[in-house]
């Protein structure tokens, strides 16, 4: 099924299969590091997804320590993870259009295949908890 996910991303975005696989791994790694529920759900449903995430995390130099992972779940840490994710996607050769198409492709597959709702745009890399905190601080 992981191959189907990669193929869906490649077809939806016009990326090569290799780019799509790397991009999916980078996004899943970033989502996991931020504590996003979508990563946990995809790992439960999709054999090989956690391994792909860990492999790409190692390639991009993502943190693995317990303390670093806790820091990455703070608002500033989440921002840093998102920035590293975008830089890593660009280093893999993705352009703006491919990055923009990546999140809807992941969201569509997650919804269709796993019933995961409410995912599919760049803002999903930030948790709802951050959005609620942001709304409170502005009001």
C-alpha atoms as a PDB file:
ATOM      1  CA  UNK A   1       0.000   0.000   0.000  1.00  0.00           C
ATOM      2  CA  UNK A   2       2.952   2.374   0.571  1.00  0.00           C
ATOM      3  CA  UNK A   3       3.721   2.046  -3.133  1.00  0.00           C
ATOM      4  CA  UNK A   4       0.117   3.029  -3.911  1.00  0.00           C
ATOM      5  CA  UNK A   5       0.486   6.108  -1.694  1.00  0.00           C
ATOM      6  CA  UNK A   6       3.707   7.114  -3.464  1.00  0.00           C
ATOM      7  CA  UNK A   7       2.142   6.487  -6.865  1.00  0.00           C
ATOM      8  CA  UNK A   8      -0.867   8.634  -5.927  1.00  0.00           C
ATOM      9  CA  UNK A   9       1.410  11.511  -4.896  1.00  0.00           C
ATOM     10  CA  UNK A  10       3.481  11.178  -8.079  1.00  0.00           C
ATOM     11  CA  UNK A  11       0.402  11.158 -10.285  1.00  0.00           C
ATOM     12  CA  UNK A  12      -1.302  14.025  -8.438  1.00  0.00           C
ATOM     13  CA  UNK A  13       1.742  16.289  -8.439  1.00  0.00           C
ATOM     14  CA  UNK A  14       3.617  15.285 -11.583  1.00  0.00           C
ATOM     15  CA  UNK A  15       6.664  14.252  -9.531  1.00  0.00           C
ATOM     16  CA  UNK A  16       8.769  11.204 -10.236  1.00  0.00           C
ATOM     17  CA  UNK A  17       8.166   8.218  -7.989  1.00  0.00           C
ATOM     18  CA  UNK A  18      11.547   8.737  -6.320  1.00  0.00           C
ATOM     19  CA  UNK A  19      10.765  12.380  -5.497  1.00  0.00           C
ATOM     20  CA  UNK A  20       7.280  11.457  -4.278  1.00  0.00           C
ATOM     21  CA  UNK A  21       8.668   8.760  -1.946  1.00  0.00           C
ATOM     22  CA  UNK A  22      11.272  11.141  -0.496  1.00  0.00           C
ATOM     23  CA  UNK A  23       8.709  13.916  -0.117  1.00  0.00           C
ATOM     24  CA  UNK A  24       6.245  11.664   1.693  1.00  0.00           C
ATOM     25  CA  UNK A  25       8.976  10.514   4.069  1.00  0.00           C
ATOM     26  CA  UNK A  26      10.029  14.093   4.804  1.00  0.00           C
ATOM     27  CA  UNK A  27       6.457  15.219   5.479  1.00  0.00           C
ATOM     28  CA  UNK A  28       5.680  12.233   7.708  1.00  0.00           C
ATOM     29  CA  UNK A  29       8.900  12.795   9.640  1.00  0.00           C
ATOM     30  CA  UNK A  30       8.046  16.457  10.188  1.00  0.00           C
ATOM     31  CA  UNK A  31       4.480  15.630  11.211  1.00  0.00           C
ATOM     32  CA  UNK A  32       5.697  13.034  13.709  1.00  0.00           C
ATOM     33  CA  UNK A  33       8.277  15.407  15.175  1.00  0.00           C
ATOM     34  CA  UNK A  34       5.551  17.992  15.693  1.00  0.00           C
ATOM     35  CA  UNK A  35       3.318  15.451  17.396  1.00  0.00           C
ATOM     36  CA  UNK A  36       0.677  15.582  14.645  1.00  0.00           C
ATOM     37  CA  UNK A  37      -2.039  12.957  14.916  1.00  0.00           C
ATOM     38  CA  UNK A  38      -2.024  12.330  11.147  1.00  0.00           C
ATOM     39  CA  UNK A  39       1.452  10.756  11.371  1.00  0.00           C
ATOM     40  CA  UNK A  40       0.359   8.382  14.133  1.00  0.00           C
ATOM     41  CA  UNK A  41      -2.758   7.381  12.175  1.00  0.00           C
ATOM     42  CA  UNK A  42      -0.845   6.803   8.944  1.00  0.00           C
ATOM     43  CA  UNK A  43       1.771   4.730  10.777  1.00  0.00           C
ATOM     44  CA  UNK A  44      -1.034   2.565  12.206  1.00  0.00           C
ATOM     45  CA  UNK A  45      -2.653   2.050   8.831  1.00  0.00           C
ATOM     46  CA  UNK A  46       0.335   1.839   6.503  1.00  0.00           C
ATOM     47  CA  UNK A  47       3.128  -0.703   6.943  1.00  0.00           C
ATOM     48  CA  UNK A  48       6.485   0.810   6.021  1.00  0.00           C
ATOM     49  CA  UNK A  49       5.462   4.434   6.572  1.00  0.00           C
ATOM     50  CA  UNK A  50       7.322   4.771   9.888  1.00  0.00           C
ATOM     51  CA  UNK A  51      10.439   3.230   8.329  1.00  0.00           C
ATOM     52  CA  UNK A  52      10.277   5.638   5.379  1.00  0.00           C
ATOM     53  CA  UNK A  53       9.857   8.547   7.795  1.00  0.00           C
ATOM     54  CA  UNK A  54      12.853   7.459   9.891  1.00  0.00           C
ATOM     55  CA  UNK A  55      15.001   6.904   6.793  1.00  0.00           C
ATOM     56  CA  UNK A  56      14.253  10.353   5.415  1.00  0.00           C
ATOM     57  CA  UNK A  57      14.706  11.886   8.876  1.00  0.00           C
ATOM     58  CA  UNK A  58      18.194  10.392   9.026  1.00  0.00           C
ATOM     59  CA  UNK A  59      18.979  11.693   5.537  1.00  0.00           C
ATOM     60  CA  UNK A  60      17.922  15.255   6.373  1.00  0.00           C
ATOM     61  CA  UNK A  61      19.526  15.253   9.817  1.00  0.00           C
ATOM     62  CA  UNK A  62      16.285  15.401  11.821  1.00  0.00           C
ATOM     63  CA  UNK A  63      16.645  15.241  15.561  1.00  0.00           C
ATOM     64  CA  UNK A  64      16.051  11.938  17.292  1.00  0.00           C
ATOM     65  CA  UNK A  65      16.706  12.685  20.965  1.00  0.00           C
ATOM     66  CA  UNK A  66      13.872  12.743  23.475  1.00  0.00           C
ATOM     67  CA  UNK A  67      14.567  16.310  24.649  1.00  0.00           C
ATOM     68  CA  UNK A  68      14.928  17.622  21.102  1.00  0.00           C
ATOM     69  CA  UNK A  69      11.641  15.973  20.150  1.00  0.00           C
ATOM     70  CA  UNK A  70       9.895  17.650  23.093  1.00  0.00           C
ATOM     71  CA  UNK A  71      11.305  21.027  22.070  1.00  0.00           C
ATOM     72  CA  UNK A  72      10.067  20.445  18.507  1.00  0.00           C
ATOM     73  CA  UNK A  73       6.519  20.255  19.857  1.00  0.00           C
ATOM     74  CA  UNK A  74       6.621  23.782  21.285  1.00  0.00           C
ATOM     75  CA  UNK A  75       5.321  26.604  19.043  1.00  0.00           C
ATOM     76  CA  UNK A  76       8.850  27.730  18.156  1.00  0.00           C
ATOM     77  CA  UNK A  77       9.979  24.150  17.639  1.00  0.00           C
ATOM     78  CA  UNK A  78       7.046  23.413  15.337  1.00  0.00           C
ATOM     79  CA  UNK A  79       7.954  26.429  13.239  1.00  0.00           C
ATOM     80  CA  UNK A  80      11.564  25.243  13.002  1.00  0.00           C
ATOM     81  CA  UNK A  81      10.448  21.750  11.953  1.00  0.00           C
ATOM     82  CA  UNK A  82       8.182  23.216   9.255  1.00  0.00           C
ATOM     83  CA  UNK A  83      10.988  25.394   7.933  1.00  0.00           C
ATOM     84  CA  UNK A  84      13.386  22.437   7.861  1.00  0.00           C
ATOM     85  CA  UNK A  85      10.744  20.376   6.083  1.00  0.00           C
ATOM     86  CA  UNK A  86      10.337  22.976   3.324  1.00  0.00           C
ATOM     87  CA  UNK A  87      14.126  23.333   2.926  1.00  0.00           C
ATOM     88  CA  UNK A  88      14.479  19.537   2.771  1.00  0.00           C
ATOM     89  CA  UNK A  89      11.745  19.248   0.147  1.00  0.00           C
ATOM     90  CA  UNK A  90      13.508  21.913  -1.909  1.00  0.00           C
ATOM     91  CA  UNK A  91      16.837  20.074  -1.551  1.00  0.00           C
ATOM     92  CA  UNK A  92      15.101  16.973  -2.918  1.00  0.00           C
ATOM     93  CA  UNK A  93      14.339  19.034  -6.028  1.00  0.00           C
ATOM     94  CA  UNK A  94      10.712  19.960  -5.393  1.00  0.00           C
ATOM     95  CA  UNK A  95       9.582  23.323  -6.693  1.00  0.00           C
ATOM     96  CA  UNK A  96       6.829  25.546  -5.330  1.00  0.00           C
ATOM     97  CA  UNK A  97       4.094  23.888  -7.393  1.00  0.00           C
ATOM     98  CA  UNK A  98       5.149  20.410  -6.330  1.00  0.00           C
ATOM     99  CA  UNK A  99       5.273  21.396  -2.659  1.00  0.00           C
ATOM    100  CA  UNK A 100       1.881  23.094  -2.965  1.00  0.00           C
ATOM    101  CA  UNK A 101       0.401  19.959  -4.556  1.00  0.00           C
ATOM    102  CA  UNK A 102       2.029  17.579  -2.095  1.00  0.00           C
ATOM    103  CA  UNK A 103      -0.193  18.329   0.912  1.00  0.00           C
ATOM    104  CA  UNK A 104      -3.531  17.990  -0.918  1.00  0.00           C
ATOM    105  CA  UNK A 105      -2.294  14.710  -2.457  1.00  0.00           C
ATOM    106  CA  UNK A 106      -1.342  13.341   0.972  1.00  0.00           C
ATOM    107  CA  UNK A 107      -4.634  14.565   2.450  1.00  0.00           C
ATOM    108  CA  UNK A 108      -6.731  13.050  -0.327  1.00  0.00           C
ATOM    109  CA  UNK A 109      -5.073   9.646  -0.015  1.00  0.00           C
ATOM    110  CA  UNK A 110      -5.339   9.720   3.789  1.00  0.00           C
ATOM    111  CA  UNK A 111      -9.049  10.561   3.537  1.00  0.00           C
ATOM    112  CA  UNK A 112      -9.865   8.041   0.813  1.00  0.00           C
ATOM    113  CA  UNK A 113      -7.821   5.113   2.089  1.00  0.00           C
ATOM    114  CA  UNK A 114      -7.819   5.601   5.866  1.00  0.00           C
ATOM    115  CA  UNK A 115     -10.802   7.849   6.596  1.00  0.00           C
ATOM    116  CA  UNK A 116      -8.578  10.594   8.024  1.00  0.00           C
ATOM    117  CA  UNK A 117     -10.451  13.880   7.716  1.00  0.00           C
ATOM    118  CA  UNK A 118      -9.269  17.481   7.796  1.00  0.00           C
ATOM    119  CA  UNK A 119      -5.795  17.118   6.280  1.00  0.00           C
ATOM    120  CA  UNK A 120      -4.374  18.334   3.035  1.00  0.00           C
ATOM    121  CA  UNK A 121      -2.859  21.801   3.162  1.00  0.00           C
ATOM    122  CA  UNK A 122       0.422  23.319   4.274  1.00  0.00           C
ATOM    123  CA  UNK A 123      -1.205  24.666   7.437  1.00  0.00           C
ATOM    124  CA  UNK A 124      -1.659  21.061   8.594  1.00  0.00           C
ATOM    125  CA  UNK A 125       1.969  20.945   9.675  1.00  0.00           C
ATOM    126  CA  UNK A 126       0.929  23.133  12.592  1.00  0.00           C
ATOM    127  CA  UNK A 127      -1.367  21.482  15.092  1.00  0.00           C
ATOM    128  CA  UNK A 128      -4.858  22.631  15.963  1.00  0.00           C
ATOM    129  CA  UNK A 129      -3.523  23.241  19.452  1.00  0.00           C
ATOM    130  CA  UNK A 130      -1.291  25.998  18.037  1.00  0.00           C
ATOM    131  CA  UNK A 131      -4.207  27.486  16.123  1.00  0.00           C
ATOM    132  CA  UNK A 132      -6.309  27.650  19.281  1.00  0.00           C
ATOM    133  CA  UNK A 133      -3.444  29.236  21.225  1.00  0.00           C
ATOM    134  CA  UNK A 134      -2.921  31.739  18.436  1.00  0.00           C
ATOM    135  CA  UNK A 135      -6.599  32.690  18.429  1.00  0.00           C
ATOM    136  CA  UNK A 136      -6.559  33.212  22.191  1.00  0.00           C
ATOM    137  CA  UNK A 137      -3.457  35.373  22.108  1.00  0.00           C
ATOM    138  CA  UNK A 138      -4.838  37.610  19.351  1.00  0.00           C
ATOM    139  CA  UNK A 139      -8.258  38.099  20.921  1.00  0.00           C
END
